[in-house]
Amino acid sequence: MSNIWTVIPAAGESRRFKDAGFVTPKPLLTLKSKSGEIGYMVQHVIADFPAWLRAGVIVALPEGFPKPIDLQERVVSIEHTTGQADTVYQVVKTLPDDDSVLVLDCDMILKTKDILTLVEMINVYDVTIAVSETFDPNASRVDSIPFPTRFVEKEPISQWGIVGGRAFKKAGLLTQALKKTLDRCVDRHQEPYLSLAINPYPGSKFAHVITDYIDLGTPERIKEAGWEIL
């Protein structure tokens, strides 16, 4: 397998956290897990990564927030972003074209075995996506499993929602797909979501169904999971 980078886009406003009184960027909120572990949200996301995967982690944060001393991962400062796809684009376009890219949400904790499945399966497929059955109306969705052909945002085309993780075989092809999506969204005055960029990415696509994950996307969901913001 070629070199793989793990990109964690976290340069948005985190409006629901701001509205709840939290000014720290969401991935840098200190959380106490249900089992008692304490760390930044992003540290919880990558806590059980093997060393070879952890070495390539890149966290995209809003400009103006200095990297915490105890955060070992590489940080990229994003001055301005129009959305998730734009943040990922600004990072991925700097990576070698033939390297692979794993994109993880900063607020979703997947089992390490599922993350490794996404990474291993890009030896076979060009894109792999973690999906789960969900009724969330705001979810990104695929049209079918295990071989989806259409990827949408906030459209109920199936019960299968994209959950936290997507792997792409080639950073260069992902850069091109993201650029096409950004241009199209500007023309249509739409927010550029990463899910939409999977459509123009060429090649075969595989959806890996997961059932066990932790959603930390809002203060309410953190509380529902039995976690605590410190």
Protein backbone atom coordinates (compact mmCIF):
# COMPACT_ATOMS: atom_id res chain seq x y z
CA MET A 1 0.00 0.00 0.00
CA SER A 2 1.15 3.56 -0.69
CA ASN A 3 1.66 6.04 2.12
CA ILE A 4 -1.60 7.00 3.85
CA TRP A 5 -2.56 10.27 5.47
CA THR A 6 -5.43 10.70 7.93
CA VAL A 7 -7.05 14.12 7.52
CA ILE A 8 -9.38 15.34 10.27
CA PRO A 9 -11.21 18.48 9.10
CA ALA A 10 -12.10 20.65 12.06
CA ALA A 11 -11.95 24.25 10.84
CA GLY A 12 -15.66 25.04 10.88
CA GLU A 13 -17.49 27.29 13.31
CA SER A 14 -18.95 24.46 15.45
CA ARG A 15 -22.07 26.59 15.76
CA ARG A 16 -23.96 24.25 18.09
CA PHE A 17 -21.07 24.30 20.55
CA LYS A 18 -20.70 28.08 20.31
CA ASP A 19 -24.40 28.48 20.97
CA ALA A 20 -23.93 26.33 24.09
CA GLY A 21 -21.15 28.63 25.30
CA PHE A 22 -18.03 26.75 24.16
CA VAL A 23 -15.55 28.99 22.30
CA THR A 24 -12.75 26.42 22.00
CA PRO A 25 -12.76 24.65 18.59
CA LYS A 26 -14.74 21.44 18.90
CA PRO A 27 -11.81 19.04 18.30
CA LEU A 28 -9.85 20.71 21.11
CA LEU A 29 -12.59 20.40 23.72
CA THR A 30 -11.37 18.29 26.63
CA LEU A 31 -13.67 15.32 27.11
CA LYS A 32 -13.98 12.64 29.73
CA SER A 33 -15.15 9.38 28.19
CA LYS A 34 -17.73 7.06 29.71
CA SER A 35 -14.89 4.84 30.90
CA GLY A 36 -12.93 7.74 32.40
CA GLU A 37 -10.26 8.57 29.78
CA ILE A 38 -9.52 12.30 29.47
CA GLY A 39 -8.25 14.04 26.34
CA TYR A 40 -9.10 16.37 23.49
CA MET A 41 -11.94 15.21 21.28
CA VAL A 42 -9.51 14.61 18.42
CA GLN A 43 -7.27 12.56 20.73
CA HIS A 44 -10.19 10.29 21.53
CA VAL A 45 -10.85 9.84 17.79
CA ILE A 46 -7.32 8.52 17.15
CA ALA A 47 -6.60 7.01 20.59
CA ASP A 48 -6.42 3.39 19.43
CA PHE A 49 -4.69 3.96 16.09
CA PRO A 50 -1.68 1.76 15.36
CA ALA A 51 1.57 3.76 15.22
CA TRP A 52 1.93 3.47 11.43
CA LEU A 53 -1.48 5.11 10.91
CA ARG A 54 -1.12 7.68 13.66
CA ALA A 55 2.12 8.95 12.12
CA GLY A 56 0.19 10.41 9.18
CA VAL A 57 -2.55 12.27 11.07
CA ILE A 58 -3.21 15.88 10.03
CA VAL A 59 -5.70 18.00 11.99
CA ALA A 60 -7.11 21.06 10.20
CA LEU A 61 -7.93 23.79 12.73
CA PRO A 62 -9.16 27.38 12.36
CA GLU A 63 -6.37 29.93 12.08
CA GLY A 64 -5.68 31.75 15.32
CA PHE A 65 -5.83 28.76 17.64
CA PRO A 66 -2.31 27.68 18.58
CA LYS A 67 -1.51 23.99 18.65
CA PRO A 68 -1.71 22.67 22.23
CA ILE A 69 1.66 21.52 23.54
CA ASP A 70 0.32 18.07 24.37
CA LEU A 71 -1.20 17.48 20.92
CA GLN A 72 1.44 15.49 19.07
CA GLU A 73 -0.27 15.33 15.69
CA ARG A 74 0.50 17.64 12.78
CA VAL A 75 -1.81 20.67 12.65
CA VAL A 76 -2.67 22.76 9.58
CA SER A 77 -4.19 26.21 10.14
CA ILE A 78 -7.08 27.09 7.83
CA GLU A 79 -7.55 30.83 7.36
CA HIS A 80 -10.93 30.59 5.63
CA THR A 81 -13.16 27.71 4.55
CA THR A 82 -16.51 27.51 2.82
CA GLY A 83 -17.24 24.07 4.25
CA GLN A 84 -16.01 20.55 4.91
CA ALA A 85 -14.98 19.83 1.32
CA ASP A 86 -13.02 23.08 1.14
CA THR A 87 -11.13 22.30 4.35
CA VAL A 88 -10.19 18.83 3.08
CA TYR A 89 -9.20 20.31 -0.29
CA GLN A 90 -6.82 22.81 1.30
CA VAL A 91 -5.01 19.95 3.06
CA VAL A 92 -5.13 17.22 0.41
CA LYS A 93 -3.84 19.39 -2.45
CA THR A 94 -0.50 19.61 -0.58
CA LEU A 95 -0.08 15.81 -0.37
CA PRO A 96 1.68 13.57 -2.93
CA ASP A 97 -0.75 12.57 -5.69
CA ASP A 98 -0.18 8.83 -5.32
CA ASP A 99 -0.58 8.71 -1.55
CA SER A 100 -3.84 7.50 -0.01
CA VAL A 101 -6.11 9.58 2.20
CA LEU A 102 -8.38 8.63 5.08
CA VAL A 103 -10.78 11.41 6.08
CA LEU A 104 -12.26 11.14 9.57
CA ASP A 105 -14.84 13.38 11.21
CA CYS A 106 -13.47 15.08 14.32
CA ASP A 107 -16.59 14.23 16.34
CA MET A 108 -17.20 10.58 15.51
CA ILE A 109 -15.34 7.71 17.18
CA LEU A 110 -15.17 4.54 15.12
CA LYS A 111 -13.80 1.22 16.25
CA THR A 112 -10.18 0.75 15.17
CA LYS A 113 -11.10 -2.49 13.40
CA ASP A 114 -13.56 -0.59 11.20
CA ILE A 115 -11.05 2.12 10.39
CA LEU A 116 -8.49 -0.52 9.44
CA THR A 117 -11.10 -2.19 7.21
CA LEU A 118 -11.62 1.09 5.33
CA VAL A 119 -7.87 1.43 4.87
CA GLU A 120 -7.27 -2.20 3.87
CA MET A 121 -10.14 -2.25 1.37
CA ILE A 122 -8.63 0.54 -0.73
CA ASN A 123 -6.23 -2.16 -1.90
CA VAL A 124 -9.30 -3.51 -3.72
CA TYR A 125 -11.57 -0.48 -4.25
CA ASP A 126 -10.87 3.16 -5.09
CA VAL A 127 -13.07 4.60 -2.34
CA THR A 128 -14.35 3.02 0.86
CA ILE A 129 -16.98 4.55 3.13
CA ALA A 130 -18.27 3.66 6.60
CA VAL A 131 -22.07 3.56 6.68
CA SER A 132 -24.75 2.71 9.21
CA GLU A 133 -28.53 2.69 9.33
CA THR A 134 -29.66 6.09 10.56
CA PHE A 135 -32.80 8.20 10.70
CA ASP A 136 -30.84 11.45 11.08
CA PRO A 137 -32.27 13.85 8.45
CA ASN A 138 -28.94 15.71 8.32
CA ALA A 139 -26.88 12.65 7.40
CA SER A 140 -24.87 12.23 4.24
CA ARG A 141 -26.22 9.16 2.43
CA VAL A 142 -25.42 6.50 -0.13
CA ASP A 143 -28.02 5.01 -2.45
CA SER A 144 -27.24 1.35 -1.73
CA ILE A 145 -24.78 -1.09 -0.16
CA PRO A 146 -22.25 -2.61 -0.52
CA PHE A 147 -21.54 -0.90 -3.86
CA PRO A 148 -23.02 2.61 -3.79
CA THR A 149 -23.18 4.71 -6.95
CA ARG A 150 -24.69 7.96 -5.63
CA PHE A 151 -23.71 10.11 -2.67
CA VAL A 152 -25.92 12.93 -1.38
CA GLU A 153 -26.28 15.36 1.50
CA LYS A 154 -29.46 15.55 3.56
CA GLU A 155 -31.54 13.59 1.03
CA PRO A 156 -33.43 10.46 2.18
CA ILE A 157 -32.40 8.24 -0.74
CA SER A 158 -31.86 5.22 1.55
CA GLN A 159 -31.50 4.30 5.22
CA TRP A 160 -27.71 4.19 4.85
CA GLY A 161 -25.88 7.21 6.23
CA ILE A 162 -22.15 7.92 5.97
CA VAL A 163 -20.66 7.66 9.45
CA GLY A 164 -17.36 9.32 10.21
CA GLY A 165 -14.91 7.72 7.79
CA ARG A 166 -13.99 7.68 4.09
CA ALA A 167 -10.80 6.39 2.45
CA PHE A 168 -9.51 7.37 -1.00
CA LYS A 169 -6.81 5.53 -2.93
CA LYS A 170 -5.20 8.59 -4.57
CA ALA A 171 -4.79 12.07 -3.09
CA GLY A 172 -4.39 13.53 -6.58
CA LEU A 173 -7.75 12.18 -7.75
CA LEU A 174 -9.38 13.35 -4.53
CA THR A 175 -7.97 16.84 -5.08
CA GLN A 176 -9.50 16.92 -8.57
CA ALA A 177 -12.88 15.64 -7.32
CA LEU A 178 -12.92 18.21 -4.51
CA LYS A 179 -12.08 21.04 -6.92
CA LYS A 180 -14.94 20.02 -9.23
CA THR A 181 -17.31 19.92 -6.26
CA LEU A 182 -16.19 23.30 -4.95
CA ASP A 183 -16.66 24.91 -8.36
CA ARG A 184 -20.10 23.33 -8.77
CA CYS A 185 -21.21 24.40 -5.29
CA VAL A 186 -20.07 27.99 -5.92
CA ASP A 187 -22.15 28.05 -9.13
CA ARG A 188 -25.20 26.67 -7.29
CA HIS A 189 -24.62 28.66 -4.07
CA GLN A 190 -24.42 25.43 -2.06
CA GLU A 191 -22.28 24.50 0.91
CA PRO A 192 -19.57 22.09 -0.30
CA TYR A 193 -19.87 18.78 1.54
CA LEU A 194 -17.29 16.03 1.26
CA SER A 195 -19.99 13.46 0.43
CA LEU A 196 -20.69 15.26 -2.86
CA ALA A 197 -17.04 14.96 -3.91
CA ILE A 198 -17.27 11.17 -3.85
CA ASN A 199 -19.51 11.29 -6.94
CA PRO A 200 -16.87 12.64 -9.38
CA TYR A 201 -14.09 10.54 -7.85
CA PRO A 202 -13.42 7.81 -10.46
CA GLY A 203 -13.40 4.07 -9.91
CA SER A 204 -15.05 1.49 -7.68
CA LYS A 205 -16.67 2.31 -4.34
CA PHE A 206 -17.40 0.08 -1.35
CA ALA A 207 -19.61 0.76 1.69
CA HIS A 208 -18.53 -0.91 4.93
CA VAL A 209 -21.46 -1.28 7.34
CA ILE A 210 -20.70 -0.47 10.98
CA THR A 211 -22.96 -0.69 14.00
CA ASP A 212 -20.76 0.43 16.89
CA TYR A 213 -19.61 4.05 17.03
CA ILE A 214 -19.84 7.11 19.30
CA ASP A 215 -21.36 10.36 18.03
CA LEU A 216 -19.96 13.46 19.76
CA GLY A 217 -21.35 15.93 17.23
CA THR A 218 -23.34 18.12 19.64
CA PRO A 219 -23.23 18.88 23.37
CA GLU A 220 -26.45 16.90 23.72
CA ARG A 221 -25.02 13.83 21.98
CA ILE A 222 -21.92 13.96 24.16
CA LYS A 223 -24.17 13.81 27.23
CA GLU A 224 -26.30 11.04 25.73
CA ALA A 225 -23.15 8.97 25.16
CA GLY A 226 -22.31 9.23 28.85
CA TRP A 227 -19.34 11.52 28.17
CA GLU A 228 -18.55 14.88 29.75
CA ILE A 229 -17.06 18.17 28.55
CA LEU A 230 -14.48 19.32 31.12
